[in-house]
Amino acid sequence: MSDRGVILLGFGLIAAAALVAILLTRLRRDSVASLGETIAYLTGTRTTRIIAVLIWAWLGWHFLAR
């Protein structure tokens, strides 16, 4: 399998995992936090928001820039 195929497969698996997580949050609202609640919790303080932006920038620089 080529490098491109492996990358596409990886993104497909991530998308499938996200879809399963979304379905779980809709079926079990009491036991699983939604994506919005999780992101709100993780970016609740200024420090964690700065860390999230730095991680996002690093990922964009290393994986999306060509």
N, C-alpha and C. Protein backbone atom coordinates (compact mmCIF):
# COMPACT_ATOMS: atom_id res chain seq x y z
N MET A 1 0.84 -1.17 0.00
CA MET A 1 0.00 0.00 0.00
C MET A 1 0.89 1.24 0.00
N SER A 2 0.53 2.23 -0.79
CA SER A 2 1.34 3.44 -0.89
C SER A 2 1.15 4.32 0.36
N ASP A 3 2.03 5.31 0.47
CA ASP A 3 1.92 6.24 1.60
C ASP A 3 0.58 6.97 1.58
N ARG A 4 0.15 7.36 0.39
CA ARG A 4 -1.12 8.06 0.27
C ARG A 4 -2.28 7.19 0.73
N GLY A 5 -2.23 5.91 0.38
CA GLY A 5 -3.28 4.99 0.80
C GLY A 5 -3.34 4.83 2.31
N VAL A 6 -2.18 4.77 2.93
CA VAL A 6 -2.12 4.63 4.39
C VAL A 6 -2.70 5.88 5.05
N ILE A 7 -2.35 7.05 4.52
CA ILE A 7 -2.86 8.30 5.08
C ILE A 7 -4.37 8.38 4.92
N LEU A 8 -4.86 8.04 3.74
CA LEU A 8 -6.31 8.07 3.52
C LEU A 8 -7.04 7.07 4.42
N LEU A 9 -6.45 5.90 4.60
CA LEU A 9 -7.03 4.91 5.50
C LEU A 9 -7.06 5.44 6.93
N GLY A 10 -5.99 6.09 7.35
CA GLY A 10 -5.93 6.67 8.69
C GLY A 10 -7.00 7.72 8.91
N PHE A 11 -7.16 8.62 7.94
CA PHE A 11 -8.20 9.64 8.05
C PHE A 11 -9.58 9.01 8.02
N GLY A 12 -9.75 7.95 7.25
CA GLY A 12 -11.03 7.25 7.23
C GLY A 12 -11.35 6.63 8.58
N LEU A 13 -10.34 6.05 9.22
CA LEU A 13 -10.54 5.47 10.55
C LEU A 13 -10.87 6.55 11.59
N ILE A 14 -10.20 7.69 11.49
CA ILE A 14 -10.50 8.78 12.41
C ILE A 14 -11.93 9.27 12.20
N ALA A 15 -12.34 9.40 10.94
CA ALA A 15 -13.71 9.84 10.65
C ALA A 15 -14.73 8.83 11.16
N ALA A 16 -14.43 7.53 11.00
CA ALA A 16 -15.34 6.49 11.49
C ALA A 16 -15.43 6.54 13.02
N ALA A 17 -14.30 6.73 13.69
CA ALA A 17 -14.31 6.82 15.15
C ALA A 17 -15.11 8.04 15.61
N ALA A 18 -14.97 9.15 14.90
CA ALA A 18 -15.74 10.36 15.25
C ALA A 18 -17.23 10.10 15.05
N LEU A 19 -17.59 9.41 13.99
CA LEU A 19 -19.00 9.11 13.73
C LEU A 19 -19.57 8.21 14.83
N VAL A 20 -18.81 7.21 15.24
CA VAL A 20 -19.25 6.33 16.32
C VAL A 20 -19.41 7.12 17.61
N ALA A 21 -18.48 8.02 17.89
CA ALA A 21 -18.57 8.84 19.11
C ALA A 21 -19.80 9.74 19.07
N ILE A 22 -20.09 10.32 17.91
CA ILE A 22 -21.27 11.17 17.78
C ILE A 22 -22.54 10.35 17.99
N LEU A 23 -22.59 9.17 17.41
CA LEU A 23 -23.77 8.32 17.58
C LEU A 23 -23.94 7.90 19.04
N LEU A 24 -22.83 7.61 19.73
CA LEU A 24 -22.91 7.25 21.15
C LEU A 24 -23.45 8.41 21.98
N THR A 25 -23.03 9.63 21.66
CA THR A 25 -23.52 10.76 22.44
C THR A 25 -25.01 10.99 22.20
N ARG A 26 -25.49 10.67 21.03
CA ARG A 26 -26.92 10.85 20.76
C ARG A 26 -27.75 9.75 21.41
N LEU A 27 -27.20 8.54 21.51
CA LEU A 27 -27.95 7.43 22.09
C LEU A 27 -27.89 7.42 23.62
N ARG A 28 -26.77 7.82 24.18
CA ARG A 28 -26.56 7.78 25.63
C ARG A 28 -26.20 9.17 26.14
N ARG A 29 -27.14 10.05 26.16
CA ARG A 29 -26.86 11.43 26.56
C ARG A 29 -26.44 11.55 28.03
N ASP A 30 -26.86 10.62 28.86
CA ASP A 30 -26.55 10.73 30.28
C ASP A 30 -25.14 10.27 30.64
N SER A 31 -24.52 9.38 29.85
CA SER A 31 -23.24 8.82 30.25
C SER A 31 -22.06 9.30 29.41
N VAL A 32 -22.30 9.88 28.24
CA VAL A 32 -21.20 10.31 27.37
C VAL A 32 -21.38 11.80 27.07
N ALA A 33 -20.32 12.56 27.28
CA ALA A 33 -20.38 14.00 27.00
C ALA A 33 -20.35 14.23 25.50
N SER A 34 -21.04 15.27 25.06
CA SER A 34 -21.03 15.61 23.64
C SER A 34 -19.70 16.26 23.28
N LEU A 35 -19.44 16.38 21.99
CA LEU A 35 -18.20 17.00 21.53
C LEU A 35 -18.11 18.45 22.00
N GLY A 36 -19.21 19.16 21.91
CA GLY A 36 -19.23 20.55 22.37
C GLY A 36 -18.93 20.69 23.85
N GLU A 37 -19.50 19.81 24.66
CA GLU A 37 -19.24 19.83 26.11
C GLU A 37 -17.77 19.50 26.40
N THR A 38 -17.22 18.56 25.67
CA THR A 38 -15.82 18.17 25.87
C THR A 38 -14.88 19.31 25.50
N ILE A 39 -15.13 19.94 24.36
CA ILE A 39 -14.28 21.05 23.94
C ILE A 39 -14.42 22.22 24.90
N ALA A 40 -15.65 22.51 25.35
CA ALA A 40 -15.85 23.60 26.32
C ALA A 40 -15.11 23.32 27.62
N TYR A 41 -15.09 22.06 28.06
CA TYR A 41 -14.37 21.69 29.28
C TYR A 41 -12.86 21.84 29.07
N LEU A 42 -12.36 21.36 27.93
CA LEU A 42 -10.92 21.39 27.68
C LEU A 42 -10.39 22.80 27.45
N THR A 43 -11.21 23.71 26.96
CA THR A 43 -10.77 25.07 26.71
C THR A 43 -11.38 26.04 27.72
N GLY A 44 -11.58 25.57 28.91
CA GLY A 44 -12.22 26.37 29.95
C GLY A 44 -11.35 27.47 30.51
N THR A 45 -10.04 27.31 30.43
CA THR A 45 -9.14 28.34 30.97
C THR A 45 -8.30 28.92 29.83
N ARG A 46 -7.72 30.06 30.11
CA ARG A 46 -6.90 30.73 29.10
C ARG A 46 -5.69 29.88 28.71
N THR A 47 -5.09 29.23 29.66
CA THR A 47 -3.91 28.40 29.39
C THR A 47 -4.24 27.26 28.44
N THR A 48 -5.34 26.57 28.69
CA THR A 48 -5.68 25.45 27.82
C THR A 48 -6.11 25.92 26.43
N ARG A 49 -6.69 27.11 26.33
CA ARG A 49 -7.02 27.65 25.00
C ARG A 49 -5.75 27.94 24.22
N ILE A 50 -4.75 28.51 24.87
CA ILE A 50 -3.47 28.80 24.21
C ILE A 50 -2.80 27.50 23.78
N ILE A 51 -2.82 26.49 24.64
CA ILE A 51 -2.24 25.19 24.29
C ILE A 51 -2.97 24.57 23.11
N ALA A 52 -4.30 24.68 23.08
CA ALA A 52 -5.08 24.13 21.97
C ALA A 52 -4.73 24.82 20.67
N VAL A 53 -4.56 26.14 20.69
CA VAL A 53 -4.18 26.87 19.47
C VAL A 53 -2.79 26.48 19.02
N LEU A 54 -1.86 26.32 19.94
CA LEU A 54 -0.50 25.91 19.58
C LEU A 54 -0.48 24.51 18.99
N ILE A 55 -1.24 23.60 19.55
CA ILE A 55 -1.31 22.24 19.00
C ILE A 55 -1.92 22.27 17.61
N TRP A 56 -2.99 23.05 17.45
CA TRP A 56 -3.64 23.16 16.13
C TRP A 56 -2.67 23.74 15.10
N ALA A 57 -1.91 24.77 15.48
CA ALA A 57 -0.94 25.37 14.57
C ALA A 57 0.17 24.38 14.23
N TRP A 58 0.64 23.63 15.21
CA TRP A 58 1.69 22.64 14.97
C TRP A 58 1.20 21.57 14.00
N LEU A 59 -0.01 21.07 14.23
CA LEU A 59 -0.57 20.05 13.33
C LEU A 59 -0.72 20.61 11.92
N GLY A 60 -1.21 21.81 11.80
CA GLY A 60 -1.37 22.42 10.48
C GLY A 60 -0.04 22.62 9.79
N TRP A 61 0.97 23.06 10.53
CA TRP A 61 2.28 23.30 9.94
C TRP A 61 2.93 22.00 9.48
N HIS A 62 2.82 20.96 10.28
CA HIS A 62 3.52 19.73 9.96
C HIS A 62 2.77 18.79 9.02
N PHE A 63 1.46 18.83 9.03
CA PHE A 63 0.71 17.86 8.25
C PHE A 63 -0.04 18.45 7.06
N LEU A 64 -0.36 19.73 7.11
CA LEU A 64 -1.17 20.30 6.04
C LEU A 64 -0.38 21.21 5.10
N ALA A 65 0.76 21.73 5.52
CA ALA A 65 1.54 22.65 4.68
C ALA A 65 2.43 21.84 3.75
N ARG A 66 2.39 22.20 2.52
CA ARG A 66 3.28 21.55 1.52
C ARG A 66 3.74 22.57 0.53
